[in-house]
Each structure stands twice: as C-alpha cells, then as structure tokens.
C-alpha atoms as a PDB file:
ATOM      1  CA  MET A   1      90.754  97.946 108.941  1.00  0.00           C
ATOM      2  CA  PRO A   2      91.916  95.674 106.124  1.00  0.00           C
ATOM      3  CA  SER A   3      92.152  91.926 106.544  1.00  0.00           C
ATOM      4  CA  LYS A   4      95.637  90.563 105.941  1.00  0.00           C
ATOM      5  CA  THR A   5      94.473  87.019 105.204  1.00  0.00           C
ATOM      6  CA  PHE A   6      91.725  88.045 102.780  1.00  0.00           C
ATOM      7  CA  ASP A   7      93.981  90.453 100.887  1.00  0.00           C
ATOM      8  CA  ARG A   8      96.799  87.926 100.541  1.00  0.00           C
ATOM      9  CA  TYR A   9      94.511  85.206  99.200  1.00  0.00           C
ATOM     10  CA  MET A  10      92.797  87.656  96.854  1.00  0.00           C
ATOM     11  CA  SER A  11      96.107  88.950  95.529  1.00  0.00           C
ATOM     12  CA  VAL A  12      97.200  85.411  94.645  1.00  0.00           C
ATOM     13  CA  ILE A  13      93.826  84.656  93.037  1.00  0.00           C
ATOM     14  CA  LEU A  14      93.936  87.906  91.057  1.00  0.00           C
ATOM     15  CA  ILE A  15      97.477  87.172  89.860  1.00  0.00           C
ATOM     16  CA  ALA A  16      96.139  83.866  88.508  1.00  0.00           C
ATOM     17  CA  VAL A  17      93.186  85.666  86.850  1.00  0.00           C
ATOM     18  CA  GLY A  18      95.548  88.221  85.291  1.00  0.00           C
ATOM     19  CA  THR A  19      97.745  85.425  83.979  1.00  0.00           C
ATOM     20  CA  PHE A  20      94.659  83.745  82.524  1.00  0.00           C
ATOM     21  CA  PHE A  21      93.715  87.033  80.792  1.00  0.00           C
ATOM     22  CA  ILE A  22      97.166  87.324  79.221  1.00  0.00           C
ATOM     23  CA  ILE A  23      97.281  83.704  78.085  1.00  0.00           C
ATOM     24  CA  SER A  24      93.716  83.842  76.755  1.00  0.00           C
ATOM     25  CA  SER A  25      94.354  87.088  74.889  1.00  0.00           C
ATOM     26  CA  THR A  26      97.011  85.334  72.822  1.00  0.00           C
ATOM     27  CA  GLN A  27      94.259  83.029  71.509  1.00  0.00           C
ATOM     28  CA  ILE A  28      92.280  86.008  70.122  1.00  0.00           C
ATOM     29  CA  SER A  29      92.969  87.240  66.596  1.00  0.00           C
ATOM     30  CA  ALA A  30      95.414  90.139  66.459  1.00  0.00           C
ATOM     31  CA  SER A  31      93.252  92.511  64.414  1.00  0.00           C
ATOM     32  CA  THR A  32      89.726  93.120  63.237  1.00  0.00           C
ATOM     33  CA  TYR A  33      88.421  94.583  60.037  1.00  0.00           C
ATOM     34  CA  GLY A  34      88.544  98.385  60.103  1.00  0.00           C
ATOM     35  CA  SER A  35      90.462  98.606  63.368  1.00  0.00           C
ATOM     36  CA  SER A  36      94.156  99.105  63.960  1.00  0.00           C
ATOM     37  CA  VAL A  37      93.775  97.825  67.532  1.00  0.00           C
ATOM     38  CA  GLY A  38      92.810  94.190  67.768  1.00  0.00           C
ATOM     39  CA  PRO A  39      90.564  92.604  70.357  1.00  0.00           C
ATOM     40  CA  ASP A  40      93.597  90.961  71.938  1.00  0.00           C
ATOM     41  CA  ILE A  41      95.119  94.213  73.223  1.00  0.00           C
ATOM     42  CA  MET A  42      92.623  95.194  75.937  1.00  0.00           C
ATOM     43  CA  PRO A  43      92.494  91.817  77.748  1.00  0.00           C
ATOM     44  CA  MET A  44      96.280  91.617  77.644  1.00  0.00           C
ATOM     45  CA  LEU A  45      96.677  95.121  79.098  1.00  0.00           C
ATOM     46  CA  LEU A  46      94.045  94.438  81.749  1.00  0.00           C
ATOM     47  CA  GLY A  47      95.823  91.213  82.690  1.00  0.00           C
ATOM     48  CA  ILE A  48      99.139  93.019  83.061  1.00  0.00           C
ATOM     49  CA  VAL A  49      97.581  95.792  85.168  1.00  0.00           C
ATOM     50  CA  LEU A  50      95.749  93.235  87.305  1.00  0.00           C
ATOM     51  CA  ILE A  51      98.951  91.299  87.956  1.00  0.00           C
ATOM     52  CA  LEU A  52     100.918  94.442  88.852  1.00  0.00           C
ATOM     53  CA  LEU A  53      98.221  95.719  91.224  1.00  0.00           C
ATOM     54  CA  SER A  54      97.868  92.280  92.814  1.00  0.00           C
ATOM     55  CA  ILE A  55     101.611  92.072  93.442  1.00  0.00           C
ATOM     56  CA  LEU A  56     101.451  95.527  95.019  1.00  0.00           C
ATOM     57  CA  LEU A  57      98.540  94.403  97.225  1.00  0.00           C
ATOM     58  CA  PHE A  58     100.435  91.289  98.286  1.00  0.00           C
ATOM     59  CA  PHE A  59     103.468  93.274  99.402  1.00  0.00           C
ATOM     60  CA  GLN A  60     101.318  95.889 101.139  1.00  0.00           C
ATOM     61  CA  THR A  61      99.796  93.187 103.333  1.00  0.00           C
ATOM     62  CA  ILE A  62     103.198  92.875 104.995  1.00  0.00           C
ATOM     63  CA  LYS A  63     102.628  96.354 106.473  1.00  0.00           C
ATOM     64  CA  TYR A  64      99.270  95.428 108.073  1.00  0.00           C
ATOM     65  CA  LYS A  65      99.381  95.456 111.874  1.00  0.00           C
ATOM     66  CA  SER A  66      96.405  93.304 112.837  1.00  0.00           C
ATOM     67  CA  ASP A  67      93.869  90.964 111.302  1.00  0.00           C
ATOM     68  CA  GLY A  68      90.280  92.045 112.047  1.00  0.00           C
ATOM     69  CA  GLN A  69      87.454  89.489 111.793  1.00  0.00           C
ATOM     70  CA  LYS A  70      84.721  92.097 111.272  1.00  0.00           C
ATOM     71  CA  SER A  71      86.462  93.761 108.346  1.00  0.00           C
ATOM     72  CA  GLU A  72      87.032  90.352 106.720  1.00  0.00           C
ATOM     73  CA  GLU A  73      83.282  89.672 106.713  1.00  0.00           C
ATOM     74  CA  GLN A  74      82.668  93.104 105.183  1.00  0.00           C
ATOM     75  CA  ASN A  75      85.335  92.455 102.545  1.00  0.00           C
ATOM     76  CA  TYR A  76      83.747  89.145 101.549  1.00  0.00           C
ATOM     77  CA  GLY A  77      80.336  90.772 101.179  1.00  0.00           C
ATOM     78  CA  LYS A  78      81.664  93.644  99.088  1.00  0.00           C
ATOM     79  CA  PHE A  79      83.735  91.234  97.025  1.00  0.00           C
ATOM     80  CA  LEU A  80      80.729  89.046  96.238  1.00  0.00           C
ATOM     81  CA  ILE A  81      78.627  92.064  95.297  1.00  0.00           C
ATOM     82  CA  MET A  82      81.402  93.387  93.043  1.00  0.00           C
ATOM     83  CA  LEU A  83      81.829  89.950  91.474  1.00  0.00           C
ATOM     84  CA  GLY A  84      78.106  89.878  90.719  1.00  0.00           C
ATOM     85  CA  LEU A  85      78.311  93.378  89.259  1.00  0.00           C
ATOM     86  CA  ALA A  86      81.249  92.359  87.060  1.00  0.00           C
ATOM     87  CA  LEU A  87      79.322  89.367  85.727  1.00  0.00           C
ATOM     88  CA  LEU A  88      76.283  91.566  85.085  1.00  0.00           C
ATOM     89  CA  TYR A  89      78.552  94.075  83.339  1.00  0.00           C
ATOM     90  CA  ALA A  90      79.936  91.382  81.036  1.00  0.00           C
ATOM     91  CA  LEU A  91      76.456  90.065  80.236  1.00  0.00           C
ATOM     92  CA  THR A  92      74.944  93.482  79.459  1.00  0.00           C
ATOM     93  CA  LEU A  93      77.859  95.220  77.714  1.00  0.00           C
ATOM     94  CA  GLU A  94      76.795  94.365  74.195  1.00  0.00           C
ATOM     95  CA  TRP A  95      73.078  94.882  74.875  1.00  0.00           C
ATOM     96  CA  LEU A  96      73.381  98.277  76.632  1.00  0.00           C
ATOM     97  CA  GLY A  97      76.581  99.491  75.012  1.00  0.00           C
ATOM     98  CA  TYR A  98      79.895 100.519  76.523  1.00  0.00           C
ATOM     99  CA  ILE A  99      79.020 103.993  77.787  1.00  0.00           C
ATOM    100  CA  ILE A 100      75.829 103.131  79.685  1.00  0.00           C
ATOM    101  CA  THR A 101      77.092  99.812  81.065  1.00  0.00           C
ATOM    102  CA  THR A 102      80.483 101.118  82.165  1.00  0.00           C
ATOM    103  CA  PHE A 103      79.015 104.243  83.771  1.00  0.00           C
ATOM    104  CA  ILE A 104      76.485 102.203  85.783  1.00  0.00           C
ATOM    105  CA  PHE A 105      79.112  99.603  86.758  1.00  0.00           C
ATOM    106  CA  LEU A 106      81.593 102.218  87.987  1.00  0.00           C
ATOM    107  CA  LEU A 107      78.947 104.245  89.814  1.00  0.00           C
ATOM    108  CA  ALA A 108      77.609 101.159  91.591  1.00  0.00           C
ATOM    109  CA  GLY A 109      81.141  99.986  92.398  1.00  0.00           C
ATOM    110  CA  PHE A 110      82.130 103.328  93.904  1.00  0.00           C
ATOM    111  CA  GLN A 111      78.985 103.385  96.024  1.00  0.00           C
ATOM    112  CA  ILE A 112      79.545  99.821  97.233  1.00  0.00           C
ATOM    113  CA  MET A 113      83.128 100.518  98.203  1.00  0.00           C
ATOM    114  CA  GLN A 114      82.361 103.855  99.886  1.00  0.00           C
ATOM    115  CA  LYS A 115      78.828 105.104 100.326  1.00  0.00           C
ATOM    116  CA  GLY A 116      78.135 108.799  99.990  1.00  0.00           C
ATOM    117  CA  LYS A 117      79.623 111.504  97.783  1.00  0.00           C
ATOM    118  CA  ILE A 118      77.248 110.512  94.983  1.00  0.00           C
ATOM    119  CA  LEU A 119      78.037 113.630  92.933  1.00  0.00           C
ATOM    120  CA  TYR A 120      81.764 112.824  92.955  1.00  0.00           C
ATOM    121  CA  SER A 121      81.018 109.223  92.029  1.00  0.00           C
ATOM    122  CA  ILE A 122      78.877 110.357  89.086  1.00  0.00           C
ATOM    123  CA  ILE A 123      81.513 112.807  87.849  1.00  0.00           C
ATOM    124  CA  ILE A 124      84.375 110.301  88.131  1.00  0.00           C
ATOM    125  CA  SER A 125      82.368 107.438  86.587  1.00  0.00           C
ATOM    126  CA  LEU A 126      81.216 109.536  83.634  1.00  0.00           C
ATOM    127  CA  SER A 127      84.634 111.126  83.096  1.00  0.00           C
ATOM    128  CA  PHE A 128      86.471 107.801  83.183  1.00  0.00           C
ATOM    129  CA  THR A 129      83.951 106.172  80.849  1.00  0.00           C
ATOM    130  CA  LEU A 130      84.149 108.958  78.273  1.00  0.00           C
ATOM    131  CA  VAL A 131      87.958 109.314  78.419  1.00  0.00           C
ATOM    132  CA  VAL A 132      88.536 105.575  77.976  1.00  0.00           C
ATOM    133  CA  TYR A 133      85.998 105.468  75.142  1.00  0.00           C
ATOM    134  CA  TYR A 134      87.649 108.442  73.391  1.00  0.00           C
ATOM    135  CA  VAL A 135      91.179 107.059  73.773  1.00  0.00           C
ATOM    136  CA  TYR A 136      90.236 103.567  72.625  1.00  0.00           C
ATOM    137  CA  VAL A 137      87.995 104.571  69.705  1.00  0.00           C
ATOM    138  CA  GLU A 138      89.487 107.851  68.476  1.00  0.00           C
ATOM    139  CA  VAL A 139      93.177 107.555  69.349  1.00  0.00           C
ATOM    140  CA  LEU A 140      93.737 103.800  69.057  1.00  0.00           C
ATOM    141  CA  GLN A 141      91.136 103.357  66.285  1.00  0.00           C
ATOM    142  CA  GLY A 142      89.387 100.493  68.099  1.00  0.00           C
ATOM    143  CA  THR A 143      85.682  99.714  68.128  1.00  0.00           C
ATOM    144  CA  LEU A 144      83.307  99.532  71.079  1.00  0.00           C
ATOM    145  CA  PRO A 145      79.519  99.236  71.183  1.00  0.00           C
ATOM    146  CA  VAL A 146      78.596 102.843  72.049  1.00  0.00           C
ATOM    147  CA  PHE A 147      74.862 102.726  72.729  1.00  0.00           C
ATOM    148  CA  PRO A 148      72.369  99.929  72.182  1.00  0.00           C
ATOM    149  CA  GLU A 149      70.658  99.708  68.811  1.00  0.00           C
ATOM    150  CA  TRP A 150      67.242 100.042  70.431  1.00  0.00           C
ATOM    151  CA  PHE A 151      68.301 103.330  72.097  1.00  0.00           C
ATOM    152  CA  ALA A 152      67.288 106.220  69.854  1.00  0.00           C
ATOM    153  CA  PHE A 153      68.194 109.860  70.373  1.00  0.00           C
END
C-alpha cells in the first residue's frame, strides 16, 4: 500500500529537481561539434518529464485511502537504494559507457522495485537501453559513450 505522505513530499521534491534540471540545462551550450543535438536537450527533456510525472503523482495521492506506516518504511529504503544507484550510474557512465551502465542500472532498479521476473527485467532493460541509444545517436545525431575504451571486442 502506498504512503500518501511520502508520495506527496517526494512529488514536491521531484518537481523542484525537475525545475533545477530545466534551469541548469539552459546554462549548457546549445550544440557540440559534430552533433545536431546539443547536450542541453536531454536534461531539459528529463526535467520536463520529471515535473509532469511528479504532478501526476501528487494528484494521485488524493485517491489514496489510508496511510500505512510499514509501506512508508519500505518506500524510504527503496528510495535510498535507488538514489545510491543513480549516483553510481552518474559516476560510472563515462567509464563503463552508456549501454553497459544503463542496462545494469535499469536491471537493478527493476529488481529493487519488484523482485522476480528476472528474464522480463533483462529483456525490458536491454530493449530500452538499445532503443534510446539508437534514437539518440542515429535519429537525433547525438553522441553517447557506447562502450568503455578498455573494453575490446
């Protein structure tokens, strides 16, 4: 059962984080050499998506019937683990490359949020990683670190 208090506070915090992403993305240069999509686009889009989803979460908390203490403790634990994973993702993205880092991050995140169904988690994580990479690099002509330099085929 979801926690009304936790979700409301988190939605407000995430709206602030999304706003920070949008404001900070305006400080980044609009384009890079050899790329038609600048490094400012992705943080801005992520900020907008984060704000929209947070607003949706805030209004969905109105529908909650009760506030469970046990679920709130579970939410805090999962949140802290996911926060740690996100920080680890940001620190290792350049070193491991987009595909490996994103796949591991999504797989771990899916397993933290709902244990089991490992095969589905692998398929969804890999599919999402490859589709986003293809769209960003091939369609939008952006650049992402694919694999680490030390990784040889």
